[in-house]
Amino acid sequence: SILASKDRLKKIKKIKAPTLIVHGKDDPMIHVRNAYKMHKLIPHSKIKIIENMRHLIEPEILSQFEGNLLNHLKFNS
């Protein structure tokens, strides 16, 4: 549905909230280049690319970025 949505980039440009972008390097559905594009479009965003992560967040993958996520939530809630 993300790929089919119209005006997605316009919507992303409107995001002003602190944003942590977490993306799998091996995502077969949404290429990692799109995560870097979002990072450029969202002011002051942070990006975390996860090695060996595909499209879903499996428990063993979560441990690779849970610290980043918890810090983001702690300082931006």
Protein backbone atom coordinates (compact mmCIF):
# COMPACT_ATOMS: atom_id res chain seq x y z
CA SER A 1 0.00 0.00 0.00
CA ILE A 2 2.92 2.36 0.64
CA LEU A 3 4.20 1.96 -2.88
CA ALA A 4 0.74 2.55 -4.33
CA SER A 5 -0.07 5.62 -2.24
CA LYS A 6 -0.10 8.89 -4.14
CA ASP A 7 1.64 12.01 -2.90
CA ARG A 8 3.64 10.04 -0.35
CA LEU A 9 6.64 12.33 -0.70
CA LYS A 10 4.51 15.43 -0.15
CA LYS A 11 3.18 13.90 3.05
CA ILE A 12 6.66 12.95 4.25
CA LYS A 13 7.91 16.50 3.70
CA LYS A 14 5.22 17.73 6.14
CA ILE A 15 6.55 15.64 9.04
CA LYS A 16 7.99 17.96 11.69
CA ALA A 17 8.03 15.60 14.68
CA PRO A 18 11.29 14.00 15.82
CA THR A 19 11.56 10.91 13.66
CA LEU A 20 13.61 7.73 13.88
CA ILE A 21 13.71 5.87 10.58
CA VAL A 22 14.47 2.17 11.01
CA HIS A 23 14.94 0.22 7.81
CA GLY A 24 16.23 -3.19 6.84
CA LYS A 25 19.21 -3.21 4.52
CA ASP A 26 17.86 -6.36 2.84
CA ASP A 27 14.20 -5.27 2.59
CA PRO A 28 12.90 -6.81 -0.66
CA MET A 29 9.70 -4.73 -0.72
CA ILE A 30 10.97 -1.20 -0.07
CA HIS A 31 14.55 -0.55 -1.11
CA VAL A 32 16.90 0.97 1.44
CA ARG A 33 17.44 3.99 -0.84
CA ASN A 34 13.89 5.05 0.11
CA ALA A 35 14.88 5.22 3.76
CA TYR A 36 17.74 7.55 2.88
CA LYS A 37 15.36 9.66 0.79
CA MET A 38 12.95 9.96 3.73
CA HIS A 39 15.85 10.88 5.99
CA LYS A 40 16.71 13.79 3.68
CA LEU A 41 13.08 14.96 3.55
CA ILE A 42 12.35 14.88 7.30
CA PRO A 43 14.20 17.66 9.16
CA HIS A 44 16.39 16.46 12.03
CA SER A 45 15.43 12.82 11.49
CA LYS A 46 17.73 10.00 12.52
CA ILE A 47 18.22 6.86 10.50
CA LYS A 48 19.20 3.35 11.54
CA ILE A 49 19.85 0.80 8.79
CA ILE A 50 19.77 -2.74 10.13
CA GLU A 51 22.03 -5.37 8.59
CA ASN A 52 20.34 -8.69 7.77
CA MET A 53 16.87 -7.20 8.29
CA ARG A 54 14.30 -7.75 5.61
CA HIS A 55 10.80 -6.23 5.70
CA LEU A 56 9.60 -7.45 9.10
CA ILE A 57 11.07 -6.88 12.54
CA GLU A 58 11.79 -10.27 14.05
CA PRO A 59 12.74 -10.60 17.75
CA GLU A 60 16.44 -11.18 17.05
CA ILE A 61 16.48 -8.13 14.77
CA LEU A 62 14.82 -5.88 17.37
CA SER A 63 17.80 -6.32 19.69
CA GLN A 64 19.97 -4.57 17.07
CA PHE A 65 18.15 -1.25 17.45
CA GLU A 66 16.06 -1.38 20.61
CA GLY A 67 18.46 1.00 22.39
CA ASN A 68 18.07 3.55 19.59
CA LEU A 69 14.29 3.19 19.74
CA LEU A 70 14.09 3.50 23.53
CA ASN A 71 16.31 6.60 23.51
CA HIS A 72 14.20 8.14 20.77
CA LEU A 73 10.99 7.51 22.71
CA LYS A 74 12.50 8.70 25.99
CA PHE A 75 13.72 12.03 24.65
CA ASN A 76 10.85 12.74 22.27
CA SER A 77 7.77 11.85 24.28
